[in-house]
Amino acid sequence: MNKSRALEIAASPEMAHVTYNEIPIYIQTVDEKNDTAMVYTLDQPELEQEVPLINLIEH
């Protein structure tokens, strides 16, 4: 996923269908400097992780 689209999704109040390793996730924030995002899975919101933007896929 490109950085600008990840920023749009993170700022949007609407839920976008995004996956990381084929698991649906929610993008909390985007680190523009490191091209990463803080995300969590929809079924485990307490488990945040930082992942590379390139590994996020919008469906």
PDB file of N, CA and C in Angstrom:
ATOM      1  N   MET A   1       0.853  -1.166   0.000  1.00  0.00           N
ATOM      2  CA  MET A   1       0.000   0.000   0.000  1.00  0.00           C
ATOM      3  C   MET A   1       0.898   1.228   0.000  1.00  0.00           C
ATOM      4  N   ASN A   2       0.501   2.223  -0.755  1.00  0.00           N
ATOM      5  CA  ASN A   2       1.329   3.423  -0.758  1.00  0.00           C
ATOM      6  C   ASN A   2       1.002   4.302   0.455  1.00  0.00           C
ATOM      7  N   LYS A   3       1.947   5.139   0.788  1.00  0.00           N
ATOM      8  CA  LYS A   3       1.871   5.964   1.994  1.00  0.00           C
ATOM      9  C   LYS A   3       0.663   6.890   2.005  1.00  0.00           C
ATOM     10  N   SER A   4       0.388   7.536   0.886  1.00  0.00           N
ATOM     11  CA  SER A   4      -0.724   8.488   0.861  1.00  0.00           C
ATOM     12  C   SER A   4      -2.064   7.798   1.073  1.00  0.00           C
ATOM     13  N   ARG A   5      -2.239   6.616   0.514  1.00  0.00           N
ATOM     14  CA  ARG A   5      -3.493   5.878   0.718  1.00  0.00           C
ATOM     15  C   ARG A   5      -3.615   5.410   2.167  1.00  0.00           C
ATOM     16  N   ALA A   6      -2.540   4.967   2.758  1.00  0.00           N
ATOM     17  CA  ALA A   6      -2.559   4.551   4.165  1.00  0.00           C
ATOM     18  C   ALA A   6      -2.941   5.722   5.065  1.00  0.00           C
ATOM     19  N   LEU A   7      -2.419   6.905   4.771  1.00  0.00           N
ATOM     20  CA  LEU A   7      -2.772   8.101   5.543  1.00  0.00           C
ATOM     21  C   LEU A   7      -4.256   8.434   5.387  1.00  0.00           C
ATOM     22  N   GLU A   8      -4.780   8.316   4.173  1.00  0.00           N
ATOM     23  CA  GLU A   8      -6.204   8.563   3.930  1.00  0.00           C
ATOM     24  C   GLU A   8      -7.068   7.606   4.747  1.00  0.00           C
ATOM     25  N   ILE A   9      -6.706   6.341   4.729  1.00  0.00           N
ATOM     26  CA  ILE A   9      -7.482   5.332   5.454  1.00  0.00           C
ATOM     27  C   ILE A   9      -7.421   5.587   6.952  1.00  0.00           C
ATOM     28  N   ALA A  10      -6.233   5.896   7.472  1.00  0.00           N
ATOM     29  CA  ALA A  10      -6.076   6.139   8.905  1.00  0.00           C
ATOM     30  C   ALA A  10      -6.899   7.347   9.352  1.00  0.00           C
ATOM     31  N   ALA A  11      -7.031   8.357   8.497  1.00  0.00           N
ATOM     32  CA  ALA A  11      -7.757   9.581   8.849  1.00  0.00           C
ATOM     33  C   ALA A  11      -9.266   9.469   8.621  1.00  0.00           C
ATOM     34  N   SER A  12      -9.689   8.474   7.869  1.00  0.00           N
ATOM     35  CA  SER A  12     -11.097   8.347   7.516  1.00  0.00           C
ATOM     36  C   SER A  12     -11.921   7.728   8.648  1.00  0.00           C
ATOM     37  N   PRO A  13     -13.132   8.246   8.853  1.00  0.00           N
ATOM     38  CA  PRO A  13     -14.015   7.636   9.851  1.00  0.00           C
ATOM     39  C   PRO A  13     -14.634   6.322   9.353  1.00  0.00           C
ATOM     40  N   GLU A  14     -14.557   6.086   8.036  1.00  0.00           N
ATOM     41  CA  GLU A  14     -15.106   4.859   7.465  1.00  0.00           C
ATOM     42  C   GLU A  14     -14.091   3.727   7.524  1.00  0.00           C
ATOM     43  N   MET A  15     -14.581   2.537   7.718  1.00  0.00           N
ATOM     44  CA  MET A  15     -13.729   1.356   7.800  1.00  0.00           C
ATOM     45  C   MET A  15     -13.376   0.883   6.393  1.00  0.00           C
ATOM     46  N   ALA A  16     -12.097   0.775   6.101  1.00  0.00           N
ATOM     47  CA  ALA A  16     -11.643   0.245   4.814  1.00  0.00           C
ATOM     48  C   ALA A  16     -11.283  -1.227   5.004  1.00  0.00           C
ATOM     49  N   HIS A  17     -11.428  -2.005   3.958  1.00  0.00           N
ATOM     50  CA  HIS A  17     -11.095  -3.433   4.032  1.00  0.00           C
ATOM     51  C   HIS A  17      -9.615  -3.596   3.693  1.00  0.00           C
ATOM     52  N   VAL A  18      -8.798  -3.676   4.739  1.00  0.00           N
ATOM     53  CA  VAL A  18      -7.346  -3.793   4.593  1.00  0.00           C
ATOM     54  C   VAL A  18      -6.886  -5.042   5.323  1.00  0.00           C
ATOM     55  N   THR A  19      -5.927  -5.751   4.717  1.00  0.00           N
ATOM     56  CA  THR A  19      -5.390  -6.939   5.373  1.00  0.00           C
ATOM     57  C   THR A  19      -3.872  -6.853   5.498  1.00  0.00           C
ATOM     58  N   TYR A  20      -3.382  -7.582   6.488  1.00  0.00           N
ATOM     59  CA  TYR A  20      -1.950  -7.782   6.695  1.00  0.00           C
ATOM     60  C   TYR A  20      -1.775  -9.286   6.861  1.00  0.00           C
ATOM     61  N   ASN A  21      -0.988  -9.910   6.008  1.00  0.00           N
ATOM     62  CA  ASN A  21      -0.842 -11.371   6.003  1.00  0.00           C
ATOM     63  C   ASN A  21      -2.200 -12.058   5.928  1.00  0.00           C
ATOM     64  N   GLU A  22      -3.085 -11.514   5.098  1.00  0.00           N
ATOM     65  CA  GLU A  22      -4.422 -12.047   4.843  1.00  0.00           C
ATOM     66  C   GLU A  22      -5.370 -11.944   6.040  1.00  0.00           C
ATOM     67  N   ILE A  23      -5.001 -11.166   7.061  1.00  0.00           N
ATOM     68  CA  ILE A  23      -5.840 -10.971   8.249  1.00  0.00           C
ATOM     69  C   ILE A  23      -6.371  -9.540   8.228  1.00  0.00           C
ATOM     70  N   PRO A  24      -7.688  -9.356   8.379  1.00  0.00           N
ATOM     71  CA  PRO A  24      -8.244  -8.003   8.403  1.00  0.00           C
ATOM     72  C   PRO A  24      -7.669  -7.185   9.557  1.00  0.00           C
ATOM     73  N   ILE A  25      -7.243  -5.947   9.240  1.00  0.00           N
ATOM     74  CA  ILE A  25      -6.648  -5.075  10.255  1.00  0.00           C
ATOM     75  C   ILE A  25      -7.256  -3.679  10.174  1.00  0.00           C
ATOM     76  N   TYR A  26      -6.997  -2.918  11.226  1.00  0.00           N
ATOM     77  CA  TYR A  26      -7.380  -1.509  11.305  1.00  0.00           C
ATOM     78  C   TYR A  26      -6.100  -0.695  11.402  1.00  0.00           C
ATOM     79  N   ILE A  27      -5.957   0.327  10.574  1.00  0.00           N
ATOM     80  CA  ILE A  27      -4.770   1.181  10.615  1.00  0.00           C
ATOM     81  C   ILE A  27      -5.015   2.309  11.611  1.00  0.00           C
ATOM     82  N   GLN A  28      -4.184   2.363  12.663  1.00  0.00           N
ATOM     83  CA  GLN A  28      -4.311   3.429  13.649  1.00  0.00           C
ATOM     84  C   GLN A  28      -3.556   4.673  13.219  1.00  0.00           C
ATOM     85  N   THR A  29      -2.255   4.512  12.982  1.00  0.00           N
ATOM     86  CA  THR A  29      -1.412   5.636  12.592  1.00  0.00           C
ATOM     87  C   THR A  29      -0.424   5.184  11.527  1.00  0.00           C
ATOM     88  N   VAL A  30       0.129   6.173  10.827  1.00  0.00           N
ATOM     89  CA  VAL A  30       1.124   5.904   9.797  1.00  0.00           C
ATOM     90  C   VAL A  30       2.387   6.686  10.143  1.00  0.00           C
ATOM     91  N   ASP A  31       3.526   5.999  10.137  1.00  0.00           N
ATOM     92  CA  ASP A  31       4.822   6.637  10.352  1.00  0.00           C
ATOM     93  C   ASP A  31       5.407   6.920   8.974  1.00  0.00           C
ATOM     94  N   GLU A  32       5.259   8.168   8.535  1.00  0.00           N
ATOM     95  CA  GLU A  32       5.685   8.529   7.182  1.00  0.00           C
ATOM     96  C   GLU A  32       7.192   8.405   6.986  1.00  0.00           C
ATOM     97  N   LYS A  33       7.944   8.641   8.030  1.00  0.00           N
ATOM     98  CA  LYS A  33       9.407   8.597   7.937  1.00  0.00           C
ATOM     99  C   LYS A  33       9.916   7.170   7.715  1.00  0.00           C
ATOM    100  N   ASN A  34       9.271   6.200   8.387  1.00  0.00           N
ATOM    101  CA  ASN A  34       9.741   4.812   8.304  1.00  0.00           C
ATOM    102  C   ASN A  34       8.895   3.939   7.384  1.00  0.00           C
ATOM    103  N   ASP A  35       7.857   4.527   6.748  1.00  0.00           N
ATOM    104  CA  ASP A  35       6.957   3.766   5.875  1.00  0.00           C
ATOM    105  C   ASP A  35       6.364   2.551   6.583  1.00  0.00           C
ATOM    106  N   THR A  36       5.889   2.779   7.813  1.00  0.00           N
ATOM    107  CA  THR A  36       5.249   1.738   8.590  1.00  0.00           C
ATOM    108  C   THR A  36       3.913   2.252   9.124  1.00  0.00           C
ATOM    109  N   ALA A  37       3.117   1.336   9.644  1.00  0.00           N
ATOM    110  CA  ALA A  37       1.834   1.705  10.240  1.00  0.00           C
ATOM    111  C   ALA A  37       1.638   0.926  11.529  1.00  0.00           C
ATOM    112  N   MET A  38       0.995   1.574  12.498  1.00  0.00           N
ATOM    113  CA  MET A  38       0.573   0.873  13.711  1.00  0.00           C
ATOM    114  C   MET A  38      -0.810   0.322  13.400  1.00  0.00           C
ATOM    115  N   VAL A  39      -0.956  -0.977  13.533  1.00  0.00           N
ATOM    116  CA  VAL A  39      -2.212  -1.644  13.193  1.00  0.00           C
ATOM    117  C   VAL A  39      -2.608  -2.613  14.301  1.00  0.00           C
ATOM    118  N   TYR A  40      -3.863  -3.022  14.257  1.00  0.00           N
ATOM    119  CA  TYR A  40      -4.303  -4.133  15.093  1.00  0.00           C
ATOM    120  C   TYR A  40      -5.342  -4.928  14.321  1.00  0.00           C
ATOM    121  N   THR A  41      -5.438  -6.218  14.677  1.00  0.00           N
ATOM    122  CA  THR A  41      -6.427  -7.058  14.017  1.00  0.00           C
ATOM    123  C   THR A  41      -7.797  -6.735  14.587  1.00  0.00           C
ATOM    124  N   LEU A  42      -8.820  -6.937  13.788  1.00  0.00           N
ATOM    125  CA  LEU A  42     -10.171  -6.596  14.204  1.00  0.00           C
ATOM    126  C   LEU A  42     -10.649  -7.455  15.370  1.00  0.00           C
ATOM    127  N   ASP A  43     -10.153  -8.684  15.464  1.00  0.00           N
ATOM    128  CA  ASP A  43     -10.592  -9.552  16.555  1.00  0.00           C
ATOM    129  C   ASP A  43      -9.738  -9.433  17.813  1.00  0.00           C
ATOM    130  N   GLN A  44      -8.604  -8.737  17.745  1.00  0.00           N
ATOM    131  CA  GLN A  44      -7.746  -8.551  18.918  1.00  0.00           C
ATOM    132  C   GLN A  44      -7.198  -7.117  18.945  1.00  0.00           C
ATOM    133  N   PRO A  45      -8.052  -6.126  19.227  1.00  0.00           N
ATOM    134  CA  PRO A  45      -7.615  -4.727  19.178  1.00  0.00           C
ATOM    135  C   PRO A  45      -6.554  -4.369  20.225  1.00  0.00           C
ATOM    136  N   GLU A  46      -6.391  -5.193  21.231  1.00  0.00           N
ATOM    137  CA  GLU A  46      -5.377  -4.912  22.251  1.00  0.00           C
ATOM    138  C   GLU A  46      -3.958  -5.256  21.795  1.00  0.00           C
ATOM    139  N   LEU A  47      -3.832  -5.982  20.699  1.00  0.00           N
ATOM    140  CA  LEU A  47      -2.519  -6.398  20.199  1.00  0.00           C
ATOM    141  C   LEU A  47      -2.085  -5.524  19.027  1.00  0.00           C
ATOM    142  N   GLU A  48      -1.499  -4.380  19.347  1.00  0.00           N
ATOM    143  CA  GLU A  48      -1.010  -3.477  18.310  1.00  0.00           C
ATOM    144  C   GLU A  48       0.351  -3.952  17.812  1.00  0.00           C
ATOM    145  N   GLN A  49       0.605  -3.680  16.547  1.00  0.00           N
ATOM    146  CA  GLN A  49       1.925  -3.997  15.993  1.00  0.00           C
ATOM    147  C   GLN A  49       2.275  -3.000  14.903  1.00  0.00           C
ATOM    148  N   GLU A  50       3.563  -2.793  14.738  1.00  0.00           N
ATOM    149  CA  GLU A  50       4.052  -1.907  13.680  1.00  0.00           C
ATOM    150  C   GLU A  50       4.444  -2.775  12.500  1.00  0.00           C
ATOM    151  N   VAL A  51       3.902  -2.439  11.321  1.00  0.00           N
ATOM    152  CA  VAL A  51       4.152  -3.260  10.135  1.00  0.00           C
ATOM    153  C   VAL A  51       4.532  -2.376   8.949  1.00  0.00           C
ATOM    154  N   PRO A  52       5.286  -2.902   7.995  1.00  0.00           N
ATOM    155  CA  PRO A  52       5.643  -2.137   6.796  1.00  0.00           C
ATOM    156  C   PRO A  52       4.405  -1.879   5.939  1.00  0.00           C
ATOM    157  N   LEU A  53       4.303  -0.674   5.401  1.00  0.00           N
ATOM    158  CA  LEU A  53       3.166  -0.327   4.546  1.00  0.00           C
ATOM    159  C   LEU A  53       3.081  -1.248   3.330  1.00  0.00           C
ATOM    160  N   ILE A  54       4.225  -1.667   2.830  1.00  0.00           N
ATOM    161  CA  ILE A  54       4.233  -2.492   1.623  1.00  0.00           C
ATOM    162  C   ILE A  54       3.510  -3.817   1.838  1.00  0.00           C
ATOM    163  N   ASN A  55       3.345  -4.239   3.088  1.00  0.00           N
ATOM    164  CA  ASN A  55       2.677  -5.508   3.389  1.00  0.00           C
ATOM    165  C   ASN A  55       1.177  -5.371   3.604  1.00  0.00           C
ATOM    166  N   LEU A  56       0.646  -4.151   3.516  1.00  0.00           N
ATOM    167  CA  LEU A  56      -0.778  -3.936   3.686  1.00  0.00           C
ATOM    168  C   LEU A  56      -1.470  -3.965   2.329  1.00  0.00           C
ATOM    169  N   ILE A  57      -2.614  -4.635   2.269  1.00  0.00           N
ATOM    170  CA  ILE A  57      -3.345  -4.767   1.017  1.00  0.00           C
ATOM    171  C   ILE A  57      -4.782  -4.300   1.231  1.00  0.00           C
ATOM    172  N   GLU A  58      -5.223  -3.377   0.368  1.00  0.00           N
ATOM    173  CA  GLU A  58      -6.611  -2.929   0.405  1.00  0.00           C
ATOM    174  C   GLU A  58      -7.412  -3.741  -0.600  1.00  0.00           C
ATOM    175  N   HIS A  59      -8.570  -4.221  -0.181  1.00  0.00           N
ATOM    176  CA  HIS A  59      -9.418  -5.063  -1.033  1.00  0.00           C
ATOM    177  C   HIS A  59     -10.626  -4.308  -1.517  1.00  0.00           C
TER     178      HIS A  59
END
